[in-house]
Amino acid sequence: MQLKSLENIYHINKKSNVAKWFLFTFLAFVFIMFLPWTQNIKTQGNVNTLFQEQRPQKLNSPIPGRIIKWYVKNGDVVKKGDTILQISEIKDDYLDPLLVERTQEQVQAKKGVREYYNAKISTTENQIAAISTAKDLKLNQIKIKIAQLQNKLKAEQAELTAVNNELKIAQDQLNRQNKMYEEGLVSLTQLQQRNVSYQNALAKKTSAENKLAQTQQEITAQNIEQNAVIQEYTEKLSKTEGDRFQSMGQVAGSTGDIAKLENQVATYKVRKGLYYILATQDGQITQLTKAGIGEIVKDAETIGIIVPKTIDYIAEIYVKPVDLPLIRENQKVMLTFDGFPAIVFSGWPNSSYGTFSGKIIAIENSISENGLFKAIVAEDKTQKRWPPNMKIGTGASGIAILNDVPIWYEIWRNINGFPPDYYQVNTQKNEKK
């Protein structure tokens, strides 16, 4: 009896199809080796926003204070200008409820002092004008008197000249009379008469000289008085000018004090508006760090974070330094985002599912802390739109599209460690075509 198992195990008499299957597999492998393969660079990154004002913003307290009331909670959506919380003062310098009014009263008082000194300056200027006028009048009087004495001096000098002439004539007559007396031609009485005439002429000369000397002394005294008047009024003017400059200094000081106080008033008014912390933009409140009523917040302390409502998303991908020469601006990049299913065929991007298109808009020239170069990818609005419900910080994977080559070339390149072909070369070829 022949067993059926022997017939099923041993196929010696049957024809083999191994050669056919081997040939088919070999031809399929050769065919696959010549299929096109898109070279690419794989990168990792995260979702962010291009504009600074669209990134999560910290809510800071501009002044220290005590929390009085909360108007929001975590997760609330607010609009720009909505009140987040209210705080009150804790510093002794600002506890006075009438601080602004009292400071304004100080301003008004300082302005009154300044007006007083301005009036004093005007009075001093009038005093200076009056002193200058009195000085001019006094000096003019002295000059007139000196001129009168000068005229008197000239008259007395002329009188002295006449007296000298008269004295000379009397002396000649006396000499001749004396000679004639010695010769006996005239009597002693006539000689004595001539002598009396000579003595009278000599007395007139002495009197004229005394008058002339007295007038010269008066002129000298007037000159001294003129100098004394100049000195006196110069001292008065200097003192009055000093008072004026002192008043001007007080006005300048008061002006500075007024400006300082007005600055304080403006600061106090602005500070009053800082008791309410407002939302800087539309968004959602998150990560509130303070709880309850009565807690103290410090100056510039972070209270929470507001996440903007409207965001223009970008992807920040990090490229290895060895791949940096292979990317450029406006280069196409395929992206996948965490939480959004995708089937990716890196060598056949057109066959991938769940990917989103983007373009590189900037490449940073400095290396990041992780040892990679950052490239910023923006949404390609001509292709499939990015998911609208993404969040900042979501993970992103990028595939930078390079040149199309056969699969055998890509395997040969990787075995030999050659870099991929430049995408720019492929672009130039396409433009020529």
Protein backbone atom coordinates (compact mmCIF):
# COMPACT_ATOMS: atom_id res chain seq x y z
CA MET A 1 0.00 0.00 0.00
CA GLN A 2 1.46 3.42 -1.02
CA LEU A 3 1.18 6.22 1.46
CA LYS A 4 -0.36 9.59 0.38
CA SER A 5 2.07 11.48 2.57
CA LEU A 6 4.97 10.31 0.43
CA GLU A 7 3.27 11.71 -2.63
CA ASN A 8 2.73 15.12 -0.88
CA ILE A 9 6.30 15.43 0.50
CA TYR A 10 8.45 14.24 -2.32
CA HIS A 11 8.08 16.13 -5.61
CA ILE A 12 10.87 14.52 -7.49
CA ASN A 13 8.68 13.78 -10.42
CA LYS A 14 6.97 17.15 -10.43
CA LYS A 15 8.16 20.26 -12.36
CA SER A 16 9.75 23.09 -10.15
CA ASN A 17 8.69 26.86 -10.40
CA VAL A 18 11.59 28.21 -8.35
CA ALA A 19 13.41 29.56 -11.37
CA LYS A 20 10.32 31.40 -12.51
CA TRP A 21 9.78 32.96 -9.09
CA PHE A 22 13.44 33.93 -8.83
CA LEU A 23 13.37 35.53 -12.26
CA PHE A 24 10.16 37.39 -11.43
CA THR A 25 11.58 38.65 -8.14
CA PHE A 26 14.80 39.75 -9.82
CA LEU A 27 12.95 41.66 -12.53
CA ALA A 28 10.70 43.28 -9.93
CA PHE A 29 13.75 44.29 -7.91
CA VAL A 30 15.42 45.81 -10.99
CA PHE A 31 12.19 47.63 -11.80
CA ILE A 32 11.95 49.01 -8.27
CA MET A 33 15.59 50.15 -8.40
CA PHE A 34 14.70 52.45 -11.31
CA LEU A 35 11.63 53.95 -9.70
CA PRO A 36 11.98 57.69 -8.82
CA TRP A 37 12.89 58.60 -5.24
CA THR A 38 12.60 62.10 -3.81
CA GLN A 39 15.58 63.01 -1.69
CA ASN A 40 14.74 64.82 1.53
CA ILE A 41 16.00 66.03 4.88
CA LYS A 42 14.06 65.00 7.97
CA THR A 43 13.84 67.53 10.80
CA GLN A 44 12.06 67.95 14.12
CA GLY A 45 10.65 71.09 15.66
CA ASN A 46 7.57 72.65 17.17
CA VAL A 47 4.74 75.02 16.36
CA ASN A 48 5.17 78.70 17.18
CA THR A 49 4.02 82.06 15.86
CA LEU A 50 5.88 84.51 13.68
CA PHE A 51 4.82 87.69 15.49
CA GLN A 52 5.92 88.50 19.01
CA GLU A 53 2.56 89.97 19.99
CA GLN A 54 0.85 86.67 19.10
CA ARG A 55 2.93 84.61 21.52
CA PRO A 56 1.77 83.89 25.07
CA GLN A 57 2.16 87.08 27.07
CA LYS A 58 2.93 87.28 30.76
CA LEU A 59 0.61 89.33 32.94
CA ASN A 60 2.82 91.40 35.26
CA SER A 61 1.92 93.74 38.07
CA PRO A 62 3.48 97.15 37.31
CA ILE A 63 3.44 98.11 41.01
CA PRO A 64 3.51 96.17 44.28
CA GLY A 65 0.19 95.80 46.01
CA ARG A 66 -2.37 93.65 47.81
CA ILE A 67 -4.98 91.73 45.83
CA ILE A 68 -8.50 93.02 46.51
CA LYS A 69 -10.63 91.29 43.87
CA TRP A 70 -10.30 88.78 41.03
CA TYR A 71 -12.39 89.24 37.90
CA VAL A 72 -11.26 86.11 35.99
CA LYS A 73 -10.20 82.51 36.54
CA ASN A 74 -8.05 80.04 34.67
CA GLY A 75 -9.42 79.26 31.23
CA ASP A 76 -11.52 82.42 30.88
CA VAL A 77 -11.50 84.13 27.50
CA VAL A 78 -11.03 87.89 27.75
CA LYS A 79 -10.91 90.82 25.39
CA LYS A 80 -8.34 93.57 25.29
CA GLY A 81 -8.93 96.00 28.17
CA ASP A 82 -10.90 93.58 30.35
CA THR A 83 -10.05 93.76 34.07
CA ILE A 84 -8.04 90.82 35.41
CA LEU A 85 -7.76 91.81 39.07
CA GLN A 86 -7.70 94.82 41.40
CA ILE A 87 -4.91 95.62 43.85
CA SER A 88 -4.39 98.26 46.54
CA GLU A 89 -1.36 100.16 47.82
CA ILE A 90 1.00 98.74 50.42
CA LYS A 91 3.72 101.44 50.41
CA ASP A 92 3.55 104.17 53.06
CA ASP A 93 4.33 106.89 50.51
CA TYR A 94 1.07 106.27 48.62
CA LEU A 95 -1.43 105.37 51.37
CA ASP A 96 -2.88 108.91 51.62
CA PRO A 97 -6.23 108.87 49.74
CA LEU A 98 -5.86 112.62 49.01
CA LEU A 99 -2.26 112.33 47.84
CA VAL A 100 -2.93 113.88 44.43
CA GLU A 101 -4.94 116.79 45.85
CA ARG A 102 -2.33 117.59 48.50
CA THR A 103 0.47 117.49 45.95
CA GLN A 104 -1.51 119.84 43.72
CA GLU A 105 -1.82 122.23 46.67
CA GLN A 106 1.96 122.15 47.01
CA VAL A 107 2.19 123.01 43.32
CA GLN A 108 -0.11 126.01 43.78
CA ALA A 109 1.91 127.17 46.80
CA LYS A 110 5.15 126.93 44.84
CA LYS A 111 3.56 128.88 41.99
CA GLY A 112 2.56 131.61 44.48
CA VAL A 113 6.16 131.82 45.73
CA ARG A 114 7.37 132.08 42.17
CA GLU A 115 4.94 134.91 41.45
CA TYR A 116 6.16 136.70 44.58
CA TYR A 117 9.75 136.50 43.44
CA ASN A 118 8.76 137.61 39.94
CA ALA A 119 7.13 140.69 41.49
CA LYS A 120 10.24 141.25 43.58
CA ILE A 121 12.34 141.07 40.41
CA SER A 122 10.14 143.73 38.79
CA THR A 123 10.47 145.97 41.87
CA THR A 124 14.22 145.48 41.92
CA GLU A 125 14.45 146.39 38.26
CA ASN A 126 12.50 149.59 38.99
CA GLN A 127 14.90 150.33 41.86
CA ILE A 128 17.85 149.80 39.54
CA ALA A 129 16.32 152.21 37.02
CA ALA A 130 15.66 154.81 39.77
CA ILE A 131 19.17 154.51 41.18
CA SER A 132 20.66 154.85 37.71
CA THR A 133 18.55 157.99 37.09
CA ALA A 134 19.55 159.50 40.47
CA LYS A 135 23.18 158.73 39.74
CA ASP A 136 23.01 160.46 36.38
CA LEU A 137 21.28 163.51 37.92
CA LYS A 138 23.84 163.77 40.72
CA LEU A 139 26.75 163.44 38.33
CA ASN A 140 25.23 166.04 36.01
CA GLN A 141 24.90 168.48 38.94
CA ILE A 142 28.53 167.94 39.88
CA LYS A 143 29.64 168.35 36.29
CA ILE A 144 27.70 171.65 36.04
CA LYS A 145 29.26 172.88 39.26
CA ILE A 146 32.72 171.89 38.08
CA ALA A 147 32.09 173.74 34.82
CA GLN A 148 31.04 176.83 36.80
CA LEU A 149 34.17 176.60 38.93
CA GLN A 150 36.25 176.21 35.78
CA ASN A 151 34.77 179.44 34.44
CA LYS A 152 35.36 181.13 37.80
CA LEU A 153 38.96 179.84 37.75
CA LYS A 154 39.53 181.34 34.34
CA ALA A 155 38.16 184.72 35.54
CA GLU A 156 40.34 184.66 38.63
CA GLN A 157 43.36 183.71 36.55
CA ALA A 158 42.64 186.73 34.30
CA GLU A 159 42.21 188.90 37.41
CA LEU A 160 45.51 187.61 38.80
CA THR A 161 47.21 188.48 35.54
CA ALA A 162 45.82 192.04 35.71
CA VAL A 163 46.89 192.37 39.34
CA ASN A 164 50.39 191.17 38.44
CA ASN A 165 50.57 193.77 35.72
CA GLU A 166 49.35 196.44 38.11
CA LEU A 167 51.89 195.27 40.72
CA LYS A 168 54.67 195.44 38.17
CA ILE A 169 53.71 198.99 37.21
CA ALA A 170 53.49 200.03 40.89
CA GLN A 171 56.90 198.50 41.56
CA ASP A 172 58.46 200.37 38.61
CA GLN A 173 56.89 203.60 39.76
CA LEU A 174 58.15 202.98 43.31
CA ASN A 175 61.68 202.34 42.03
CA ARG A 176 61.66 205.50 39.97
CA GLN A 177 60.20 207.55 42.81
CA ASN A 178 62.80 206.18 45.18
CA LYS A 179 65.60 207.14 42.76
CA MET A 180 64.14 210.59 42.28
CA TYR A 181 63.87 210.98 46.05
CA GLU A 182 67.51 210.11 46.45
CA GLU A 183 68.34 212.77 43.85
CA GLY A 184 66.10 215.27 45.71
CA LEU A 185 63.65 215.67 42.91
CA VAL A 186 60.57 214.53 44.90
CA SER A 187 59.52 214.80 48.48
CA LEU A 188 59.26 212.03 51.02
CA THR A 189 55.49 212.33 50.93
CA GLN A 190 55.38 211.48 47.25
CA LEU A 191 57.68 208.47 47.86
CA GLN A 192 55.43 207.23 50.61
CA GLN A 193 52.36 207.61 48.37
CA ARG A 194 54.05 205.41 45.72
CA ASN A 195 54.96 202.89 48.39
CA VAL A 196 51.31 202.74 49.53
CA SER A 197 50.22 202.19 45.92
CA TYR A 198 52.74 199.34 45.62
CA GLN A 199 51.55 197.76 48.86
CA ASN A 200 47.95 197.95 47.68
CA ALA A 201 48.86 196.26 44.39
CA LEU A 202 50.77 193.56 46.30
CA ALA A 203 47.74 192.99 48.54
CA LYS A 204 45.51 192.65 45.50
CA LYS A 205 47.87 190.04 44.06
CA THR A 206 47.81 188.05 47.29
CA SER A 207 44.02 188.24 47.40
CA ALA A 208 43.74 187.13 43.76
CA GLU A 209 46.12 184.22 44.37
CA ASN A 210 44.09 183.16 47.41
CA LYS A 211 40.87 183.25 45.40
CA LEU A 212 42.49 181.22 42.61
CA ALA A 213 43.79 178.63 45.06
CA GLN A 214 40.40 178.40 46.74
CA THR A 215 38.67 177.83 43.39
CA GLN A 216 41.18 175.10 42.47
CA GLN A 217 40.51 173.44 45.80
CA GLU A 218 36.78 173.58 45.14
CA ILE A 219 37.30 171.96 41.72
CA THR A 220 39.38 169.23 43.35
CA ALA A 221 36.70 168.74 45.99
CA GLN A 222 34.02 168.44 43.30
CA ASN A 223 36.10 165.84 41.44
CA ILE A 224 36.47 163.87 44.67
CA GLU A 225 32.75 164.20 45.29
CA GLN A 226 32.08 162.95 41.74
CA ASN A 227 34.18 159.85 42.35
CA ALA A 228 32.45 159.33 45.70
CA VAL A 229 29.03 159.56 44.03
CA ILE A 230 30.09 157.03 41.38
CA GLN A 231 31.34 154.68 44.10
CA GLU A 232 28.21 155.12 46.21
CA TYR A 233 25.77 154.49 43.41
CA THR A 234 27.86 151.60 42.06
CA GLU A 235 27.56 149.91 45.45
CA LYS A 236 23.81 150.56 45.51
CA LEU A 237 23.41 149.18 41.97
CA SER A 238 25.54 146.13 42.78
CA LYS A 239 23.50 145.38 45.88
CA THR A 240 20.22 145.81 44.03
CA GLU A 241 21.49 143.67 41.13
CA GLY A 242 22.48 141.03 43.66
CA ASP A 243 18.96 141.07 45.07
CA ARG A 244 17.55 140.74 41.56
CA PHE A 245 19.79 137.78 40.70
CA GLN A 246 18.91 136.16 44.02
CA SER A 247 15.23 136.53 43.20
CA MET A 248 15.84 135.12 39.74
CA GLY A 249 17.56 132.13 41.35
CA GLN A 250 14.57 131.66 43.61
CA VAL A 251 12.27 131.79 40.57
CA ALA A 252 14.38 129.18 38.79
CA GLY A 253 14.41 127.00 41.90
CA SER A 254 10.66 127.36 42.29
CA THR A 255 10.17 126.45 38.63
CA GLY A 256 12.22 123.30 39.14
CA ASP A 257 10.26 122.41 42.28
CA ILE A 258 6.98 123.03 40.44
CA ALA A 259 8.07 120.78 37.57
CA LYS A 260 9.06 118.08 40.05
CA LEU A 261 5.76 118.31 41.91
CA GLU A 262 3.75 118.31 38.68
CA ASN A 263 5.69 115.22 37.64
CA GLN A 264 4.73 113.63 40.94
CA VAL A 265 1.08 114.57 40.40
CA ALA A 266 1.13 112.97 36.94
CA THR A 267 2.87 109.90 38.37
CA TYR A 268 0.29 109.58 41.15
CA LYS A 269 -2.56 109.86 38.64
CA VAL A 270 -1.02 107.20 36.43
CA ARG A 271 -0.35 105.02 39.47
CA LYS A 272 -4.02 105.18 40.39
CA GLY A 273 -4.82 103.66 37.00
CA LEU A 274 -2.43 100.79 37.72
CA TYR A 275 -4.56 99.47 40.56
CA TYR A 276 -6.53 97.55 37.91
CA ILE A 277 -4.51 95.05 35.85
CA LEU A 278 -6.04 94.82 32.38
CA ALA A 279 -5.79 92.30 29.57
CA THR A 280 -3.27 93.43 26.98
CA GLN A 281 -5.02 91.64 24.10
CA ASP A 282 -7.76 89.18 23.22
CA GLY A 283 -6.99 85.70 24.48
CA GLN A 284 -7.35 83.05 27.15
CA ILE A 285 -6.16 83.36 30.74
CA THR A 286 -3.90 80.52 31.92
CA GLN A 287 -1.42 79.70 34.68
CA LEU A 288 -2.64 82.16 37.29
CA THR A 289 -0.03 82.09 40.06
CA LYS A 290 -1.89 83.89 42.86
CA ALA A 291 -4.88 82.61 44.78
CA GLY A 292 -7.42 84.23 47.03
CA ILE A 293 -7.78 87.75 48.37
CA GLY A 294 -5.15 89.66 50.32
CA GLU A 295 -2.05 88.11 48.76
CA ILE A 296 0.84 90.47 48.05
CA VAL A 297 2.20 90.87 44.54
CA LYS A 298 5.63 92.31 43.97
CA ASP A 299 6.73 94.87 41.43
CA ALA A 300 6.87 93.30 37.92
CA GLU A 301 5.83 89.90 39.34
CA THR A 302 4.15 87.52 36.89
CA ILE A 303 0.52 86.87 37.80
CA GLY A 304 -0.45 84.66 34.87
CA ILE A 305 -0.28 84.19 31.12
CA ILE A 306 -2.66 85.30 28.40
CA VAL A 307 -2.64 83.23 25.21
CA PRO A 308 -3.65 85.31 22.16
CA LYS A 309 -6.82 84.32 20.36
CA THR A 310 -5.64 85.08 16.83
CA ILE A 311 -2.35 83.42 15.89
CA ASP A 312 -0.47 83.12 12.61
CA TYR A 313 1.24 79.78 13.06
CA ILE A 314 4.70 78.84 11.86
CA ALA A 315 6.85 75.77 12.39
CA GLU A 316 10.34 76.06 13.82
CA ILE A 317 12.41 73.15 12.57
CA TYR A 318 16.01 72.40 13.48
CA VAL A 319 18.50 71.38 10.79
CA LYS A 320 21.81 69.61 11.29
CA PRO A 321 24.88 71.67 10.36
CA VAL A 322 25.78 69.10 7.69
CA ASP A 323 22.36 69.58 6.03
CA LEU A 324 22.33 73.37 6.33
CA PRO A 325 23.77 74.01 2.82
CA LEU A 326 20.93 71.95 1.33
CA ILE A 327 18.11 74.25 2.42
CA ARG A 328 17.28 77.76 1.32
CA GLU A 329 14.49 80.30 1.57
CA ASN A 330 11.22 79.57 -0.29
CA GLN A 331 12.09 75.85 -0.28
CA LYS A 332 9.10 73.50 0.00
CA VAL A 333 8.74 71.56 3.25
CA MET A 334 6.24 68.81 4.14
CA LEU A 335 5.04 68.96 7.75
CA THR A 336 3.22 66.64 10.13
CA PHE A 337 1.89 67.79 13.48
CA ASP A 338 1.41 65.89 16.72
CA GLY A 339 -2.19 64.85 17.18
CA PHE A 340 -2.99 64.84 13.47
CA PRO A 341 -2.68 61.33 11.89
CA ALA A 342 -0.45 61.08 8.86
CA ILE A 343 0.95 58.36 6.61
CA VAL A 344 4.30 59.52 5.27
CA PHE A 345 6.30 58.02 2.41
CA SER A 346 9.47 60.06 2.60
CA GLY A 347 10.61 59.03 -0.89
CA TRP A 348 7.19 59.62 -2.49
CA PRO A 349 5.81 62.81 -0.96
CA ASN A 350 2.88 62.91 -3.37
CA SER A 351 1.71 59.58 -1.99
CA SER A 352 1.78 60.72 1.61
CA TYR A 353 -1.42 61.38 3.55
CA GLY A 354 -2.04 63.87 6.36
CA THR A 355 0.92 66.13 5.55
CA PHE A 356 0.79 69.91 5.23
CA SER A 357 2.82 72.11 2.91
CA GLY A 358 5.01 74.98 3.98
CA LYS A 359 7.80 77.21 2.74
CA ILE A 360 11.00 78.22 4.49
CA ILE A 361 10.89 82.00 5.06
CA ALA A 362 14.02 82.43 7.18
CA ILE A 363 17.11 80.56 8.32
CA GLU A 364 18.94 81.73 11.42
CA ASN A 365 22.65 82.29 10.96
CA SER A 366 23.55 81.43 14.56
CA ILE A 367 23.48 77.92 15.96
CA SER A 368 20.95 77.12 18.67
CA GLU A 369 21.69 75.71 22.11
CA ASN A 370 20.84 72.21 20.89
CA GLY A 371 23.65 72.39 18.29
CA LEU A 372 21.26 72.76 15.33
CA PHE A 373 20.28 75.62 13.06
CA LYS A 374 16.72 76.91 13.24
CA ALA A 375 14.64 77.37 10.09
CA ILE A 376 11.23 79.06 10.13
CA VAL A 377 8.52 77.49 7.97
CA ALA A 378 5.36 79.40 7.12
CA GLU A 379 2.10 78.01 5.79
CA ASP A 380 1.80 77.65 2.03
CA LYS A 381 -1.64 79.17 1.59
CA THR A 382 -1.90 77.90 -1.99
CA GLN A 383 -1.98 74.30 -0.71
CA LYS A 384 -3.89 72.51 2.02
CA ARG A 385 -4.49 74.82 4.98
CA TRP A 386 -2.90 73.99 8.31
CA PRO A 387 -5.16 72.77 11.14
CA PRO A 388 -6.82 75.80 12.77
CA ASN A 389 -6.97 74.21 16.25
CA MET A 390 -3.24 73.75 16.73
CA LYS A 391 -1.56 75.10 19.82
CA ILE A 392 1.78 76.79 20.29
CA GLY A 393 4.35 74.22 21.37
CA THR A 394 2.82 71.34 19.40
CA GLY A 395 5.49 69.03 18.00
CA ALA A 396 6.15 69.21 14.27
CA SER A 397 8.15 66.99 11.92
CA GLY A 398 9.46 68.43 8.69
CA ILE A 399 10.65 66.88 5.46
CA ALA A 400 12.57 69.26 3.20
CA ILE A 401 12.08 68.20 -0.41
CA LEU A 402 15.27 67.93 -2.50
CA ASN A 403 15.97 66.31 -5.90
CA ASP A 404 14.27 63.37 -7.62
CA VAL A 405 16.70 60.45 -8.24
CA PRO A 406 16.37 56.69 -8.92
CA ILE A 407 16.19 54.39 -5.92
CA TRP A 408 19.43 52.64 -6.88
CA TYR A 409 21.19 56.03 -6.84
CA GLU A 410 19.83 56.86 -3.40
CA ILE A 411 20.98 53.48 -2.02
CA TRP A 412 24.39 53.90 -3.63
CA ARG A 413 24.65 57.49 -2.21
CA ASN A 414 23.82 56.36 1.33
CA ILE A 415 26.26 53.42 1.16
CA ASN A 416 29.06 55.76 0.11
CA GLY A 417 28.03 58.58 2.46
CA PHE A 418 27.56 61.14 -0.32
CA PRO A 419 25.31 64.20 0.40
CA PRO A 420 21.96 64.57 -1.36
CA ASP A 421 21.71 66.58 -4.57
CA TYR A 422 20.89 70.26 -4.19
CA TYR A 423 17.26 71.17 -4.64
CA GLN A 424 18.33 74.33 -6.44
CA VAL A 425 19.92 72.28 -9.26
CA ASN A 426 16.68 70.40 -9.77
CA THR A 427 14.78 73.70 -9.85
CA GLN A 428 17.07 75.10 -12.51
CA LYS A 429 16.57 71.98 -14.61
CA ASN A 430 12.81 72.30 -14.31
CA GLU A 431 13.01 75.95 -15.33
CA LYS A 432 15.05 75.04 -18.40
CA LYS A 433 12.48 72.37 -19.31
